[in-house]
């Protein structure tokens, strides 16, 4: 049972990053505009990097590739995004994504 729960958790965690990465990819110009609005430097360069981390990291978790390293990178990424992009707590969407 323990292995089943581990696999289920890995799948569910990976889906969070795959879905958000995919939404940034298909809404690329909107993502660049949002990153510009929060004052990120070079948003047209940062956006593909964010997509790569989210999609690539999510897919790596999903297939079980270097899961400890990928999980550490995604954890650091989440901490960074919490302090950079999810700071407007008056916006309920920001609260949900913090």
PDB file of N, CA and C in Angstrom:
ATOM      1  N   UNK A   1       0.820  -1.201   0.000  1.00  0.00           N
ATOM      2  CA  UNK A   1       0.000   0.000   0.000  1.00  0.00           C
ATOM      3  C   UNK A   1       0.863   1.265   0.000  1.00  0.00           C
ATOM      4  N   UNK A   2       1.983   1.236   0.696  1.00  0.00           N
ATOM      5  CA  UNK A   2       2.849   2.400   0.784  1.00  0.00           C
ATOM      6  C   UNK A   2       3.353   2.836  -0.589  1.00  0.00           C
ATOM      7  N   UNK A   3       3.747   1.889  -1.438  1.00  0.00           N
ATOM      8  CA  UNK A   3       4.235   2.218  -2.777  1.00  0.00           C
ATOM      9  C   UNK A   3       3.117   2.826  -3.624  1.00  0.00           C
ATOM     10  N   UNK A   4       1.904   2.313  -3.460  1.00  0.00           N
ATOM     11  CA  UNK A   4       0.762   2.846  -4.200  1.00  0.00           C
ATOM     12  C   UNK A   4       0.505   4.299  -3.820  1.00  0.00           C
ATOM     13  N   UNK A   5       0.560   4.603  -2.542  1.00  0.00           N
ATOM     14  CA  UNK A   5       0.349   5.980  -2.093  1.00  0.00           C
ATOM     15  C   UNK A   5       1.464   6.901  -2.581  1.00  0.00           C
ATOM     16  N   UNK A   6       2.670   6.408  -2.591  1.00  0.00           N
ATOM     17  CA  UNK A   6       3.797   7.207  -3.080  1.00  0.00           C
ATOM     18  C   UNK A   6       3.625   7.546  -4.554  1.00  0.00           C
ATOM     19  N   UNK A   7       3.228   6.575  -5.332  1.00  0.00           N
ATOM     20  CA  UNK A   7       3.011   6.806  -6.767  1.00  0.00           C
ATOM     21  C   UNK A   7       1.844   7.766  -6.980  1.00  0.00           C
ATOM     22  N   UNK A   8       0.761   7.577  -6.231  1.00  0.00           N
ATOM     23  CA  UNK A   8      -0.397   8.467  -6.356  1.00  0.00           C
ATOM     24  C   UNK A   8      -0.013   9.899  -5.992  1.00  0.00           C
ATOM     25  N   UNK A   9       0.748  10.064  -4.919  1.00  0.00           N
ATOM     26  CA  UNK A   9       1.185  11.399  -4.510  1.00  0.00           C
ATOM     27  C   UNK A   9       2.077  12.027  -5.571  1.00  0.00           C
ATOM     28  N   UNK A  10       2.979  11.234  -6.139  1.00  0.00           N
ATOM     29  CA  UNK A  10       3.871  11.749  -7.181  1.00  0.00           C
ATOM     30  C   UNK A  10       3.075  12.196  -8.402  1.00  0.00           C
ATOM     31  N   UNK A  11       2.065  11.423  -8.780  1.00  0.00           N
ATOM     32  CA  UNK A  11       1.232  11.787  -9.931  1.00  0.00           C
ATOM     33  C   UNK A  11       0.469  13.074  -9.651  1.00  0.00           C
ATOM     34  N   UNK A  12      -0.147  13.161  -8.484  1.00  0.00           N
ATOM     35  CA  UNK A  12      -0.938  14.347  -8.153  1.00  0.00           C
ATOM     36  C   UNK A  12      -0.066  15.598  -8.045  1.00  0.00           C
ATOM     37  N   UNK A  13       1.100  15.473  -7.422  1.00  0.00           N
ATOM     38  CA  UNK A  13       2.007  16.623  -7.327  1.00  0.00           C
ATOM     39  C   UNK A  13       2.495  17.056  -8.708  1.00  0.00           C
ATOM     40  N   UNK A  14       2.789  16.095  -9.552  1.00  0.00           N
ATOM     41  CA  UNK A  14       3.282  16.442 -10.885  1.00  0.00           C
ATOM     42  C   UNK A  14       2.212  17.160 -11.698  1.00  0.00           C
ATOM     43  N   UNK A  15       0.961  16.768 -11.517  1.00  0.00           N
ATOM     44  CA  UNK A  15      -0.122  17.401 -12.275  1.00  0.00           C
ATOM     45  C   UNK A  15      -0.255  18.885 -11.961  1.00  0.00           C
ATOM     46  N   UNK A  16       0.018  19.270 -10.721  1.00  0.00           N
ATOM     47  CA  UNK A  16      -0.035  20.694 -10.364  1.00  0.00           C
ATOM     48  C   UNK A  16       0.908  21.484 -11.266  1.00  0.00           C
ATOM     49  N   UNK A  17       2.123  21.007 -11.408  1.00  0.00           N
ATOM     50  CA  UNK A  17       3.123  21.727 -12.197  1.00  0.00           C
ATOM     51  C   UNK A  17       2.881  21.588 -13.695  1.00  0.00           C
ATOM     52  N   UNK A  18       2.441  20.423 -14.136  1.00  0.00           N
ATOM     53  CA  UNK A  18       2.171  20.224 -15.561  1.00  0.00           C
ATOM     54  C   UNK A  18       1.029  21.132 -16.009  1.00  0.00           C
ATOM     55  N   UNK A  19      -0.037  21.188 -15.238  1.00  0.00           N
ATOM     56  CA  UNK A  19      -1.197  22.011 -15.609  1.00  0.00           C
ATOM     57  C   UNK A  19      -0.836  23.493 -15.611  1.00  0.00           C
ATOM     58  N   UNK A  20      -0.136  23.963 -14.569  1.00  0.00           N
ATOM     59  CA  UNK A  20       0.205  25.388 -14.545  1.00  0.00           C
ATOM     60  C   UNK A  20       1.238  25.741 -15.617  1.00  0.00           C
ATOM     61  N   UNK A  21       2.172  24.841 -15.870  1.00  0.00           N
ATOM     62  CA  UNK A  21       3.142  25.082 -16.940  1.00  0.00           C
ATOM     63  C   UNK A  21       2.477  25.121 -18.301  1.00  0.00           C
ATOM     64  N   UNK A  22       1.545  24.196 -18.519  1.00  0.00           N
ATOM     65  CA  UNK A  22       0.823  24.154 -19.792  1.00  0.00           C
ATOM     66  C   UNK A  22      -0.008  25.423 -19.982  1.00  0.00           C
ATOM     67  N   UNK A  23      -0.661  25.882 -18.909  1.00  0.00           N
ATOM     68  CA  UNK A  23      -1.482  27.089 -19.038  1.00  0.00           C
ATOM     69  C   UNK A  23      -0.614  28.303 -19.358  1.00  0.00           C
ATOM     70  N   UNK A  24       0.582  28.355 -18.810  1.00  0.00           N
ATOM     71  CA  UNK A  24       1.497  29.453 -19.150  1.00  0.00           C
ATOM     72  C   UNK A  24       1.976  29.338 -20.598  1.00  0.00           C
ATOM     73  N   UNK A  25       2.159  28.119 -21.067  1.00  0.00           N
ATOM     74  CA  UNK A  25       2.606  27.908 -22.444  1.00  0.00           C
ATOM     75  C   UNK A  25       1.537  28.340 -23.442  1.00  0.00           C
ATOM     76  N   UNK A  26       0.298  27.918 -23.231  1.00  0.00           N
ATOM     77  CA  UNK A  26      -0.750  28.275 -24.194  1.00  0.00           C
ATOM     78  C   UNK A  26      -1.197  29.729 -24.047  1.00  0.00           C
ATOM     79  N   UNK A  27      -0.945  30.321 -22.889  1.00  0.00           N
ATOM     80  CA  UNK A  27      -1.240  31.736 -22.689  1.00  0.00           C
ATOM     81  C   UNK A  27       0.043  32.534 -22.543  1.00  0.00           C
ATOM     82  N   UNK A  28       0.996  32.249 -23.411  1.00  0.00           N
ATOM     83  CA  UNK A  28       2.344  32.815 -23.296  1.00  0.00           C
ATOM     84  C   UNK A  28       2.327  34.335 -23.208  1.00  0.00           C
ATOM     85  N   UNK A  29       1.614  34.987 -24.107  1.00  0.00           N
ATOM     86  CA  UNK A  29       1.627  36.458 -24.113  1.00  0.00           C
ATOM     87  C   UNK A  29       0.987  37.020 -22.849  1.00  0.00           C
ATOM     88  N   UNK A  30      -0.046  36.368 -22.347  1.00  0.00           N
ATOM     89  CA  UNK A  30      -0.664  36.799 -21.096  1.00  0.00           C
ATOM     90  C   UNK A  30       0.272  36.622 -19.911  1.00  0.00           C
ATOM     91  N   UNK A  31       1.038  35.544 -19.932  1.00  0.00           N
ATOM     92  CA  UNK A  31       2.010  35.302 -18.863  1.00  0.00           C
ATOM     93  C   UNK A  31       3.109  36.359 -18.891  1.00  0.00           C
ATOM     94  N   UNK A  32       3.588  36.680 -20.087  1.00  0.00           N
ATOM     95  CA  UNK A  32       4.602  37.734 -20.220  1.00  0.00           C
ATOM     96  C   UNK A  32       4.034  39.059 -19.713  1.00  0.00           C
ATOM     97  N   UNK A  33       2.792  39.355 -20.070  1.00  0.00           N
ATOM     98  CA  UNK A  33       2.162  40.597 -19.616  1.00  0.00           C
ATOM     99  C   UNK A  33       2.031  40.624 -18.091  1.00  0.00           C
ATOM    100  N   UNK A  34       1.653  39.491 -17.500  1.00  0.00           N
ATOM    101  CA  UNK A  34       1.540  39.434 -16.039  1.00  0.00           C
ATOM    102  C   UNK A  34       2.901  39.626 -15.384  1.00  0.00           C
ATOM    103  N   UNK A  35       3.919  38.946 -15.895  1.00  0.00           N
ATOM    104  CA  UNK A  35       5.262  39.092 -15.331  1.00  0.00           C
ATOM    105  C   UNK A  35       5.753  40.531 -15.469  1.00  0.00           C
ATOM    106  N   UNK A  36       5.388  41.188 -16.572  1.00  0.00           N
ATOM    107  CA  UNK A  36       5.732  42.593 -16.751  1.00  0.00           C
ATOM    108  C   UNK A  36       5.025  43.445 -15.707  1.00  0.00           C
ATOM    109  N   UNK A  37       3.742  43.153 -15.465  1.00  0.00           N
ATOM    110  CA  UNK A  37       2.954  43.956 -14.526  1.00  0.00           C
ATOM    111  C   UNK A  37       3.444  43.846 -13.085  1.00  0.00           C
ATOM    112  N   UNK A  38       4.081  42.734 -12.728  1.00  0.00           N
ATOM    113  CA  UNK A  38       4.598  42.614 -11.357  1.00  0.00           C
ATOM    114  C   UNK A  38       6.057  43.056 -11.258  1.00  0.00           C
ATOM    115  N   UNK A  39       6.593  43.544 -12.375  1.00  0.00           N
ATOM    116  CA  UNK A  39       7.919  44.141 -12.360  1.00  0.00           C
ATOM    117  C   UNK A  39       9.086  43.185 -12.501  1.00  0.00           C
ATOM    118  N   UNK A  40       8.846  41.985 -13.017  1.00  0.00           N
ATOM    119  CA  UNK A  40       9.963  41.063 -13.238  1.00  0.00           C
ATOM    120  C   UNK A  40      10.829  41.574 -14.383  1.00  0.00           C
ATOM    121  N   UNK A  41      12.139  41.527 -14.229  1.00  0.00           N
ATOM    122  CA  UNK A  41      13.007  41.949 -15.330  1.00  0.00           C
ATOM    123  C   UNK A  41      13.012  40.891 -16.434  1.00  0.00           C
ATOM    124  N   UNK A  42      13.105  41.328 -17.651  1.00  0.00           N
ATOM    125  CA  UNK A  42      13.182  40.445 -18.822  1.00  0.00           C
ATOM    126  C   UNK A  42      12.092  39.372 -18.832  1.00  0.00           C
ATOM    127  N   UNK A  43      10.836  39.776 -18.785  1.00  0.00           N
ATOM    128  CA  UNK A  43       9.753  38.786 -18.703  1.00  0.00           C
ATOM    129  C   UNK A  43       9.676  37.846 -19.901  1.00  0.00           C
ATOM    130  N   UNK A  44      10.105  38.308 -21.079  1.00  0.00           N
ATOM    131  CA  UNK A  44      10.063  37.419 -22.247  1.00  0.00           C
ATOM    132  C   UNK A  44      11.142  36.339 -22.178  1.00  0.00           C
ATOM    133  N   UNK A  45      12.136  36.523 -21.325  1.00  0.00           N
ATOM    134  CA  UNK A  45      13.154  35.493 -21.107  1.00  0.00           C
ATOM    135  C   UNK A  45      12.791  34.628 -19.898  1.00  0.00           C
ATOM    136  N   UNK A  46      12.243  35.245 -18.875  1.00  0.00           N
ATOM    137  CA  UNK A  46      11.872  34.512 -17.660  1.00  0.00           C
ATOM    138  C   UNK A  46      10.706  33.563 -17.918  1.00  0.00           C
ATOM    139  N   UNK A  47       9.756  33.968 -18.750  1.00  0.00           N
ATOM    140  CA  UNK A  47       8.579  33.132 -19.004  1.00  0.00           C
ATOM    141  C   UNK A  47       8.941  31.748 -19.532  1.00  0.00           C
ATOM    142  N   UNK A  48       9.782  31.617 -20.565  1.00  0.00           N
ATOM    143  CA  UNK A  48      10.141  30.260 -21.002  1.00  0.00           C
ATOM    144  C   UNK A  48      10.864  29.453 -19.920  1.00  0.00           C
ATOM    145  N   UNK A  49      11.654  30.124 -19.080  1.00  0.00           N
ATOM    146  CA  UNK A  49      12.338  29.416 -17.996  1.00  0.00           C
ATOM    147  C   UNK A  49      11.338  28.875 -16.976  1.00  0.00           C
ATOM    148  N   UNK A  50      10.344  29.689 -16.655  1.00  0.00           N
ATOM    149  CA  UNK A  50       9.302  29.255 -15.720  1.00  0.00           C
ATOM    150  C   UNK A  50       8.525  28.080 -16.312  1.00  0.00           C
ATOM    151  N   UNK A  51       8.192  28.182 -17.588  1.00  0.00           N
ATOM    152  CA  UNK A  51       7.477  27.089 -18.257  1.00  0.00           C
ATOM    153  C   UNK A  51       8.328  25.824 -18.251  1.00  0.00           C
ATOM    154  N   UNK A  52       9.607  25.958 -18.525  1.00  0.00           N
ATOM    155  CA  UNK A  52      10.508  24.804 -18.513  1.00  0.00           C
ATOM    156  C   UNK A  52      10.568  24.155 -17.129  1.00  0.00           C
ATOM    157  N   UNK A  53      10.672  24.974 -16.095  1.00  0.00           N
ATOM    158  CA  UNK A  53      10.723  24.428 -14.737  1.00  0.00           C
ATOM    159  C   UNK A  53       9.418  23.724 -14.396  1.00  0.00           C
ATOM    160  N   UNK A  54       8.287  24.366 -14.701  1.00  0.00           N
ATOM    161  CA  UNK A  54       7.002  23.771 -14.333  1.00  0.00           C
ATOM    162  C   UNK A  54       6.678  22.536 -15.169  1.00  0.00           C
ATOM    163  N   UNK A  55       6.751  22.668 -16.483  1.00  0.00           N
ATOM    164  CA  UNK A  55       6.438  21.516 -17.342  1.00  0.00           C
ATOM    165  C   UNK A  55       7.497  20.422 -17.226  1.00  0.00           C
ATOM    166  N   UNK A  56       8.745  20.813 -17.338  1.00  0.00           N
ATOM    167  CA  UNK A  56       9.826  19.832 -17.259  1.00  0.00           C
ATOM    168  C   UNK A  56       9.889  19.155 -15.905  1.00  0.00           C
ATOM    169  N   UNK A  57       9.771  19.945 -14.850  1.00  0.00           N
ATOM    170  CA  UNK A  57       9.789  19.378 -13.507  1.00  0.00           C
ATOM    171  C   UNK A  57       8.595  18.484 -13.247  1.00  0.00           C
ATOM    172  N   UNK A  58       7.425  18.924 -13.692  1.00  0.00           N
ATOM    173  CA  UNK A  58       6.225  18.106 -13.520  1.00  0.00           C
ATOM    174  C   UNK A  58       6.314  16.789 -14.266  1.00  0.00           C
ATOM    175  N   UNK A  59       6.796  16.845 -15.496  1.00  0.00           N
ATOM    176  CA  UNK A  59       6.941  15.612 -16.277  1.00  0.00           C
ATOM    177  C   UNK A  59       8.013  14.697 -15.685  1.00  0.00           C
ATOM    178  N   UNK A  60       9.096  15.294 -15.189  1.00  0.00           N
ATOM    179  CA  UNK A  60      10.146  14.484 -14.559  1.00  0.00           C
ATOM    180  C   UNK A  60       9.609  13.773 -13.320  1.00  0.00           C
ATOM    181  N   UNK A  61       8.826  14.487 -12.519  1.00  0.00           N
ATOM    182  CA  UNK A  61       8.202  13.840 -11.359  1.00  0.00           C
ATOM    183  C   UNK A  61       7.262  12.730 -11.796  1.00  0.00           C
ATOM    184  N   UNK A  62       6.484  13.007 -12.814  1.00  0.00           N
ATOM    185  CA  UNK A  62       5.498  12.036 -13.286  1.00  0.00           C
ATOM    186  C   UNK A  62       6.145  10.717 -13.688  1.00  0.00           C
ATOM    187  N   UNK A  63       7.257  10.789 -14.397  1.00  0.00           N
ATOM    188  CA  UNK A  63       7.905   9.557 -14.867  1.00  0.00           C
ATOM    189  C   UNK A  63       8.922   9.011 -13.873  1.00  0.00           C
ATOM    190  N   UNK A  64       9.159   9.745 -12.786  1.00  0.00           N
ATOM    191  CA  UNK A  64      10.073   9.265 -11.760  1.00  0.00           C
ATOM    192  C   UNK A  64      11.537   9.517 -12.039  1.00  0.00           C
ATOM    193  N   UNK A  65      11.837  10.537 -12.834  1.00  0.00           N
ATOM    194  CA  UNK A  65      13.226  10.853 -13.191  1.00  0.00           C
ATOM    195  C   UNK A  65      13.843  11.779 -12.144  1.00  0.00           C
ATOM    196  N   UNK A  66      14.890  11.317 -11.469  1.00  0.00           N
ATOM    197  CA  UNK A  66      15.619  12.138 -10.480  1.00  0.00           C
ATOM    198  C   UNK A  66      14.660  12.859  -9.535  1.00  0.00           C
ATOM    199  N   UNK A  67      13.732  12.125  -8.960  1.00  0.00           N
ATOM    200  CA  UNK A  67      12.642  12.737  -8.199  1.00  0.00           C
ATOM    201  C   UNK A  67      13.115  13.589  -7.028  1.00  0.00           C
ATOM    202  N   UNK A  68      14.142  13.179  -6.330  1.00  0.00           N
ATOM    203  CA  UNK A  68      14.605  13.984  -5.185  1.00  0.00           C
ATOM    204  C   UNK A  68      15.171  15.326  -5.642  1.00  0.00           C
ATOM    205  N   UNK A  69      15.970  15.315  -6.702  1.00  0.00           N
ATOM    206  CA  UNK A  69      16.526  16.558  -7.227  1.00  0.00           C
ATOM    207  C   UNK A  69      15.427  17.454  -7.789  1.00  0.00           C
ATOM    208  N   UNK A  70      14.535  16.848  -8.546  1.00  0.00           N
ATOM    209  CA  UNK A  70      13.441  17.618  -9.146  1.00  0.00           C
ATOM    210  C   UNK A  70      12.547  18.201  -8.059  1.00  0.00           C
ATOM    211  N   UNK A  71      12.237  17.411  -7.044  1.00  0.00           N
ATOM    212  CA  UNK A  71      11.404  17.902  -5.945  1.00  0.00           C
ATOM    213  C   UNK A  71      12.077  19.067  -5.224  1.00  0.00           C
ATOM    214  N   UNK A  72      13.379  18.988  -5.034  1.00  0.00           N
ATOM    215  CA  UNK A  72      14.104  20.082  -4.385  1.00  0.00           C
ATOM    216  C   UNK A  72      14.063  21.349  -5.239  1.00  0.00           C
ATOM    217  N   UNK A  73      14.268  21.194  -6.534  1.00  0.00           N
ATOM    218  CA  UNK A  73      14.220  22.347  -7.442  1.00  0.00           C
ATOM    219  C   UNK A  73      12.824  22.960  -7.447  1.00  0.00           C
ATOM    220  N   UNK A  74      11.796  22.120  -7.522  1.00  0.00           N
ATOM    221  CA  UNK A  74      10.426  22.630  -7.524  1.00  0.00           C
ATOM    222  C   UNK A  74      10.071  23.284  -6.193  1.00  0.00           C
ATOM    223  N   UNK A  75      10.572  22.760  -5.088  1.00  0.00           N
ATOM    224  CA  UNK A  75      10.321  23.377  -3.785  1.00  0.00           C
ATOM    225  C   UNK A  75      10.941  24.767  -3.719  1.00  0.00           C
ATOM    226  N   UNK A  76      12.179  24.894  -4.166  1.00  0.00           N
ATOM    227  CA  UNK A  76      12.832  26.209  -4.198  1.00  0.00           C
ATOM    228  C   UNK A  76      12.107  27.157  -5.145  1.00  0.00           C
ATOM    229  N   UNK A  77      11.668  26.632  -6.274  1.00  0.00           N
ATOM    230  CA  UNK A  77      10.899  27.424  -7.237  1.00  0.00           C
ATOM    231  C   UNK A  77       9.619  27.949  -6.581  1.00  0.00           C
ATOM    232  N   UNK A  78       8.928  27.087  -5.845  1.00  0.00           N
ATOM    233  CA  UNK A  78       7.682  27.488  -5.179  1.00  0.00           C
ATOM    234  C   UNK A  78       7.928  28.562  -4.125  1.00  0.00           C
ATOM    235  N   UNK A  79       8.998  28.429  -3.374  1.00  0.00           N
ATOM    236  CA  UNK A  79       9.329  29.449  -2.372  1.00  0.00           C
ATOM    237  C   UNK A  79       9.598  30.782  -3.062  1.00  0.00           C
ATOM    238  N   UNK A  80      10.363  30.744  -4.138  1.00  0.00           N
ATOM    239  CA  UNK A  80      10.648  31.970  -4.880  1.00  0.00           C
ATOM    240  C   UNK A  80       9.401  32.615  -5.452  1.00  0.00           C
ATOM    241  N   UNK A  81       8.541  31.811  -6.068  1.00  0.00           N
ATOM    242  CA  UNK A  81       7.328  32.383  -6.656  1.00  0.00           C
ATOM    243  C   UNK A  81       6.381  32.904  -5.589  1.00  0.00           C
ATOM    244  N   UNK A  82       6.376  32.297  -4.415  1.00  0.00           N
ATOM    245  CA  UNK A  82       5.513  32.783  -3.338  1.00  0.00           C
ATOM    246  C   UNK A  82       5.878  34.210  -2.950  1.00  0.00           C
ATOM    247  N   UNK A  83       7.156  34.499  -2.903  1.00  0.00           N
ATOM    248  CA  UNK A  83       7.597  35.829  -2.487  1.00  0.00           C
ATOM    249  C   UNK A  83       7.658  36.836  -3.630  1.00  0.00           C
ATOM    250  N   UNK A  84       7.711  36.358  -4.867  1.00  0.00           N
ATOM    251  CA  UNK A  84       7.828  37.270  -6.005  1.00  0.00           C
ATOM    252  C   UNK A  84       6.484  37.530  -6.675  1.00  0.00           C
ATOM    253  N   UNK A  85       5.720  36.476  -6.922  1.00  0.00           N
ATOM    254  CA  UNK A  85       4.536  36.616  -7.772  1.00  0.00           C
ATOM    255  C   UNK A  85       3.209  36.445  -7.043  1.00  0.00           C
ATOM    256  N   UNK A  86       3.223  35.965  -5.819  1.00  0.00           N
ATOM    257  CA  UNK A  86       1.959  35.722  -5.107  1.00  0.00           C
ATOM    258  C   UNK A  86       1.919  36.526  -3.817  1.00  0.00           C
ATOM    259  N   UNK A  87       1.938  37.845  -3.952  1.00  0.00           N
ATOM    260  CA  UNK A  87       2.012  38.708  -2.774  1.00  0.00           C
ATOM    261  C   UNK A  87       0.774  39.553  -2.536  1.00  0.00           C
ATOM    262  N   UNK A  88      -0.162  39.571  -3.462  1.00  0.00           N
ATOM    263  CA  UNK A  88      -1.367  40.385  -3.316  1.00  0.00           C
ATOM    264  C   UNK A  88      -2.459  39.551  -2.638  1.00  0.00           C
ATOM    265  N   UNK A  89      -2.490  39.575  -1.307  1.00  0.00           N
ATOM    266  CA  UNK A  89      -3.423  38.723  -0.579  1.00  0.00           C
ATOM    267  C   UNK A  89      -4.857  39.243  -0.596  1.00  0.00           C
ATOM    268  N   UNK A  90      -5.082  40.430  -1.158  1.00  0.00           N
ATOM    269  CA  UNK A  90      -6.445  40.907  -1.343  1.00  0.00           C
ATOM    270  C   UNK A  90      -7.115  40.156  -2.493  1.00  0.00           C
ATOM    271  N   UNK A  91      -6.323  39.586  -3.374  1.00  0.00           N
ATOM    272  CA  UNK A  91      -6.817  38.799  -4.503  1.00  0.00           C
ATOM    273  C   UNK A  91      -6.914  37.336  -4.068  1.00  0.00           C
ATOM    274  N   UNK A  92      -8.127  36.785  -4.053  1.00  0.00           N
ATOM    275  CA  UNK A  92      -8.334  35.418  -3.573  1.00  0.00           C
ATOM    276  C   UNK A  92      -7.535  34.401  -4.384  1.00  0.00           C
ATOM    277  N   UNK A  93      -7.361  34.640  -5.671  1.00  0.00           N
ATOM    278  CA  UNK A  93      -6.548  33.741  -6.490  1.00  0.00           C
ATOM    279  C   UNK A  93      -5.108  33.685  -5.970  1.00  0.00           C
ATOM    280  N   UNK A  94      -4.589  34.828  -5.554  1.00  0.00           N
ATOM    281  CA  UNK A  94      -3.240  34.855  -4.991  1.00  0.00           C
ATOM    282  C   UNK A  94      -3.176  34.081  -3.671  1.00  0.00           C
ATOM    283  N   UNK A  95      -4.215  34.214  -2.855  1.00  0.00           N
ATOM    284  CA  UNK A  95      -4.268  33.466  -1.594  1.00  0.00           C
ATOM    285  C   UNK A  95      -4.278  31.968  -1.866  1.00  0.00           C
ATOM    286  N   UNK A  96      -5.051  31.552  -2.859  1.00  0.00           N
ATOM    287  CA  UNK A  96      -5.136  30.124  -3.182  1.00  0.00           C
ATOM    288  C   UNK A  96      -3.813  29.580  -3.690  1.00  0.00           C
ATOM    289  N   UNK A  97      -3.049  30.400  -4.395  1.00  0.00           N
ATOM    290  CA  UNK A  97      -1.793  29.945  -4.986  1.00  0.00           C
ATOM    291  C   UNK A  97      -0.577  30.172  -4.107  1.00  0.00           C
ATOM    292  N   UNK A  98      -0.761  30.732  -2.920  1.00  0.00           N
ATOM    293  CA  UNK A  98       0.379  30.993  -2.043  1.00  0.00           C
ATOM    294  C   UNK A  98       0.857  29.721  -1.391  1.00  0.00           C
TER     295      UNK A  98
END
